[in-house]
Amino acid sequence: MNLASIATALRGKRPSSPEVIADVIRTLILRGHLEGGQPLRQDTIARWFGVSHIPVRESLRQLTAEGLVQLHDRRGATVAPLRPDEAEEILEIRLTLEIKAVSLAMPHWTEATFDDLEKLLLEAEACDSIDRWSDINRHFHEKLYKACARPRLLNLIASLNANVERYIRLLVSRSDYRLQAEQEHRAILASARVRNAASLAALVEHHALETAVQLRQFLLLHQQDEIRGDRRKAQRRAVGSDG
């Protein structure tokens, strides 16, 4: 499927409002269909949704505020790349907020909460789709702290997640991170069931820091691969111009 077809499928029967356009583009970025540095041409996006440039511009401004898109004076919009140091910082900030949210949510957990978390883990362990596994991974974390009933805190965490989730998907697809994450989620759920606040905070911190370390290493290798690729392209152009 090309991008236009994927965008149409993601939109479904929803009207082409700026919010829906932003949601579709966000999903394309998070799932790796649109990569860091890739241009986001307003003409093309407007054709996908059958709209004018106005709602497209509004959606791009929204995604810029989320850190997923960069707007340039002359080059238009591009997908925002993520440097290793930025990823590490985002995960450190998310960790602080997540621990606070979990501690606030803990008094409101019920057996139904733990049953839902268990179902998510079972589905993740049996899942073959990276996209679906990544969604389950996000839902697991959200289920842990959603009951904190702090909308602004939850929005901050969601915004930070949007900036790193696309790279975590790549990490899952190219390493043994998935198995490690599933084991750490099991430990987190066991600690949550007995409501051991200190142990739970330590496990959440360990999980986040391990993710940060692996993601930083992955991004550094990814960055080096891109540099080598750019050099090879430059060399081919130079050989072509000499001929």
Protein backbone atom coordinates (compact mmCIF):
# COMPACT_ATOMS: atom_id res chain seq x y z
CA MET A 1 0.00 0.00 0.00
CA ASN A 2 1.21 3.53 -0.75
CA LEU A 3 0.98 6.36 1.76
CA ALA A 4 -2.24 7.74 0.28
CA SER A 5 -3.97 4.36 0.70
CA ILE A 6 -2.66 3.94 4.25
CA ALA A 7 -3.81 7.45 5.17
CA THR A 8 -7.27 6.73 3.74
CA ALA A 9 -7.50 3.49 5.73
CA LEU A 10 -6.42 5.21 8.94
CA ARG A 11 -8.95 8.01 8.47
CA GLY A 12 -11.79 5.54 7.94
CA LYS A 13 -15.19 7.25 7.89
CA ARG A 14 -14.11 10.20 10.00
CA PRO A 15 -14.50 13.69 8.50
CA SER A 16 -11.29 15.39 7.36
CA SER A 17 -11.00 17.85 10.24
CA PRO A 18 -7.60 19.24 11.37
CA GLU A 19 -7.75 16.89 14.39
CA VAL A 20 -8.35 13.83 12.20
CA ILE A 21 -5.63 14.84 9.73
CA ALA A 22 -3.21 15.33 12.65
CA ASP A 23 -4.17 11.93 14.07
CA VAL A 24 -3.52 10.18 10.74
CA ILE A 25 -0.17 11.89 10.17
CA ARG A 26 0.80 11.21 13.78
CA THR A 27 0.06 7.51 13.28
CA LEU A 28 2.04 7.44 10.03
CA ILE A 29 5.01 8.92 11.90
CA LEU A 30 4.69 6.67 14.94
CA ARG A 31 4.47 3.54 12.77
CA GLY A 32 7.53 4.53 10.75
CA HIS A 33 5.76 5.18 7.44
CA LEU A 34 7.11 8.74 7.61
CA GLU A 35 10.73 8.99 8.77
CA GLY A 36 12.71 11.76 10.43
CA GLY A 37 13.60 14.53 7.97
CA GLN A 38 11.00 13.44 5.40
CA PRO A 39 9.10 16.36 3.78
CA LEU A 40 5.39 16.78 4.55
CA ARG A 41 4.04 18.51 1.46
CA GLN A 42 0.78 20.35 2.03
CA ASP A 43 -0.41 19.76 -1.56
CA THR A 44 0.02 16.01 -1.18
CA ILE A 45 -1.64 15.82 2.23
CA ALA A 46 -4.54 18.01 1.06
CA ARG A 47 -5.14 15.55 -1.82
CA TRP A 48 -5.15 12.59 0.59
CA PHE A 49 -8.00 14.13 2.57
CA GLY A 50 -9.78 16.11 -0.14
CA VAL A 51 -9.38 19.42 1.67
CA SER A 52 -7.78 22.83 1.21
CA HIS A 53 -4.43 23.79 2.72
CA ILE A 54 -6.05 25.46 5.74
CA PRO A 55 -6.91 22.32 7.79
CA VAL A 56 -3.60 20.77 6.73
CA ARG A 57 -1.68 23.76 8.10
CA GLU A 58 -3.64 23.57 11.35
CA SER A 59 -2.83 19.88 11.73
CA LEU A 60 0.87 20.50 11.06
CA ARG A 61 0.94 23.26 13.66
CA GLN A 62 -0.60 20.85 16.17
CA LEU A 63 2.01 18.20 15.41
CA THR A 64 4.76 20.82 15.65
CA ALA A 65 3.58 21.66 19.17
CA GLU A 66 3.83 17.92 19.98
CA GLY A 67 7.40 17.81 18.69
CA LEU A 68 6.68 15.42 15.81
CA VAL A 69 6.95 17.97 12.99
CA GLN A 70 9.29 20.84 12.21
CA LEU A 71 8.14 23.92 10.28
CA HIS A 72 10.72 25.74 8.15
CA ASP A 73 10.39 29.18 6.58
CA ARG A 74 11.35 28.11 3.07
CA ARG A 75 11.31 24.30 3.09
CA GLY A 76 7.83 23.81 4.51
CA ALA A 77 7.28 21.02 7.03
CA THR A 78 9.35 17.92 7.71
CA VAL A 79 9.08 15.02 10.15
CA ALA A 80 11.13 15.95 13.21
CA PRO A 81 14.18 13.71 13.70
CA LEU A 82 15.15 12.58 17.19
CA ARG A 83 18.75 12.72 18.35
CA PRO A 84 20.04 10.21 20.92
CA ASP A 85 20.52 12.89 23.60
CA GLU A 86 16.97 14.16 23.02
CA ALA A 87 15.52 10.65 23.35
CA GLU A 88 17.39 10.12 26.61
CA GLU A 89 16.16 13.43 28.02
CA ILE A 90 12.55 12.74 27.00
CA LEU A 91 12.61 9.32 28.69
CA GLU A 92 14.14 10.81 31.85
CA ILE A 93 11.38 13.43 32.05
CA ARG A 94 8.71 10.83 31.30
CA LEU A 95 10.07 8.62 34.08
CA THR A 96 9.66 11.36 36.68
CA LEU A 97 6.09 12.07 35.57
CA GLU A 98 5.18 8.39 35.26
CA ILE A 99 6.31 7.54 38.80
CA LYS A 100 4.26 10.43 40.16
CA ALA A 101 1.20 9.36 38.13
CA VAL A 102 1.50 5.73 39.26
CA SER A 103 1.73 6.76 42.93
CA LEU A 104 -1.42 8.89 42.56
CA ALA A 105 -3.25 6.11 40.72
CA MET A 106 -2.38 3.30 43.16
CA PRO A 107 -5.19 3.98 45.69
CA HIS A 108 -7.75 3.74 42.88
CA TRP A 109 -6.65 0.36 41.46
CA THR A 110 -9.15 -2.49 41.61
CA GLU A 111 -9.02 -6.17 40.75
CA ALA A 112 -10.45 -5.20 37.37
CA THR A 113 -7.38 -3.00 36.83
CA PHE A 114 -5.05 -5.94 37.42
CA ASP A 115 -7.18 -8.23 35.24
CA ASP A 116 -6.93 -5.69 32.39
CA LEU A 117 -3.15 -5.43 32.83
CA GLU A 118 -2.84 -9.23 32.80
CA LYS A 119 -4.87 -9.46 29.58
CA LEU A 120 -2.62 -6.86 27.95
CA LEU A 121 0.50 -8.81 28.91
CA LEU A 122 -0.92 -12.07 27.58
CA GLU A 123 -1.86 -10.41 24.31
CA ALA A 124 1.57 -8.80 24.00
CA GLU A 125 3.34 -12.11 24.60
CA ALA A 126 1.29 -13.80 21.86
CA CYS A 127 1.36 -10.89 19.41
CA ASP A 128 3.09 -11.14 16.02
CA SER A 129 2.54 -7.55 14.86
CA ILE A 130 5.09 -4.93 15.91
CA ASP A 131 2.52 -2.17 15.45
CA ARG A 132 0.03 -4.00 17.67
CA TRP A 133 2.69 -4.88 20.26
CA SER A 134 3.72 -1.22 20.45
CA ASP A 135 0.10 -0.19 20.96
CA ILE A 136 -0.29 -2.78 23.75
CA ASN A 137 2.95 -1.58 25.34
CA ARG A 138 1.57 1.98 25.46
CA HIS A 139 -1.82 0.80 26.76
CA PHE A 140 -0.11 -1.16 29.57
CA HIS A 141 1.67 1.94 30.84
CA GLU A 142 -1.43 4.10 30.42
CA LYS A 143 -3.54 1.59 32.38
CA LEU A 144 -1.10 1.79 35.28
CA TYR A 145 -1.44 5.53 35.78
CA LYS A 146 -4.73 6.52 34.13
CA ALA A 147 -6.60 6.38 37.45
CA CYS A 148 -4.47 9.24 38.81
CA ALA A 149 -7.19 11.56 37.42
CA ARG A 150 -4.71 14.33 36.58
CA PRO A 151 -5.56 15.37 32.99
CA ARG A 152 -2.62 17.76 32.57
CA LEU A 153 -0.15 15.21 33.91
CA LEU A 154 -1.55 12.55 31.57
CA ASN A 155 -1.37 14.92 28.60
CA LEU A 156 2.28 15.69 29.34
CA ILE A 157 3.13 11.99 29.47
CA ALA A 158 1.20 11.33 26.25
CA SER A 159 3.08 14.14 24.47
CA LEU A 160 6.44 12.72 25.56
CA ASN A 161 5.38 9.23 24.46
CA ALA A 162 4.50 10.53 21.00
CA ASN A 163 8.06 11.77 20.55
CA VAL A 164 9.78 8.46 21.32
CA GLU A 165 7.25 5.78 20.42
CA ARG A 166 8.21 5.66 16.72
CA TYR A 167 11.82 4.91 17.67
CA ILE A 168 10.83 2.34 20.27
CA ARG A 169 8.91 0.56 17.49
CA LEU A 170 12.13 0.40 15.48
CA LEU A 171 14.00 -0.79 18.57
CA VAL A 172 11.45 -3.60 19.04
CA SER A 173 11.81 -4.68 15.42
CA ARG A 174 15.60 -4.85 15.41
CA SER A 175 16.66 -6.11 18.86
CA ASP A 176 15.72 -8.36 21.78
CA TYR A 177 14.20 -5.38 23.59
CA ARG A 178 10.68 -6.85 23.35
CA LEU A 179 11.44 -9.92 25.48
CA GLN A 180 13.20 -7.80 28.09
CA ALA A 181 10.30 -5.33 28.21
CA GLU A 182 7.75 -8.13 28.65
CA GLN A 183 9.74 -9.57 31.58
CA GLU A 184 9.98 -6.12 33.19
CA HIS A 185 6.23 -5.58 32.70
CA ARG A 186 5.57 -8.87 34.49
CA ALA A 187 7.64 -7.70 37.47
CA ILE A 188 5.84 -4.34 37.50
CA LEU A 189 2.43 -6.02 37.55
CA ALA A 190 3.45 -8.37 40.38
CA SER A 191 4.59 -5.41 42.47
CA ALA A 192 1.45 -3.45 41.63
CA ARG A 193 -0.79 -6.32 42.81
CA VAL A 194 0.69 -6.14 46.33
CA ARG A 195 0.74 -2.32 46.18
CA ASN A 196 4.40 -2.10 47.15
CA ALA A 197 4.99 1.56 46.32
CA ALA A 198 8.78 1.56 46.83
CA SER A 199 9.33 -1.61 44.82
CA LEU A 200 6.99 -0.44 42.06
CA ALA A 201 8.75 2.92 41.73
CA ALA A 202 12.12 1.14 41.54
CA LEU A 203 10.86 -1.27 38.86
CA VAL A 204 9.31 1.50 36.77
CA GLU A 205 12.56 3.47 37.04
CA HIS A 206 14.66 0.45 36.05
CA HIS A 207 12.38 -0.26 33.07
CA ALA A 208 12.56 3.35 31.86
CA LEU A 209 16.34 3.63 32.29
CA GLU A 210 16.95 0.32 30.49
CA THR A 211 14.77 1.56 27.63
CA ALA A 212 16.73 4.84 27.55
CA VAL A 213 20.09 3.03 27.37
CA GLN A 214 18.99 0.68 24.59
CA LEU A 215 17.26 3.44 22.64
CA ARG A 216 20.29 5.71 22.83
CA GLN A 217 22.56 2.91 21.55
CA PHE A 218 20.10 2.08 18.79
CA LEU A 219 19.79 5.71 17.67
CA LEU A 220 23.56 6.16 17.63
CA LEU A 221 23.89 3.13 15.33
CA HIS A 222 20.97 4.36 13.22
CA GLN A 223 22.62 7.78 12.97
CA GLN A 224 25.92 6.22 11.90
CA ASP A 225 24.14 4.14 9.24
CA GLU A 226 22.51 7.29 7.86
CA ILE A 227 25.87 9.10 7.72
CA ARG A 228 27.45 6.16 5.86
CA GLY A 229 24.49 6.08 3.49
CA ASP A 230 24.80 9.81 2.78
CA ARG A 231 28.51 9.38 2.09
CA ARG A 232 27.87 6.56 -0.37
CA LYS A 233 25.28 8.68 -2.20
CA ALA A 234 27.73 11.59 -2.36
CA GLN A 235 30.44 9.30 -3.73
CA ARG A 236 28.10 7.93 -6.41
CA ARG A 237 27.12 11.47 -7.44
CA ALA A 238 30.78 12.45 -7.60
CA VAL A 239 31.61 9.42 -9.80
CA GLY A 240 28.66 10.22 -12.06
CA SER A 241 29.71 13.83 -12.49
CA ASP A 242 33.27 12.79 -13.35
CA GLY A 243 31.94 10.52 -16.10
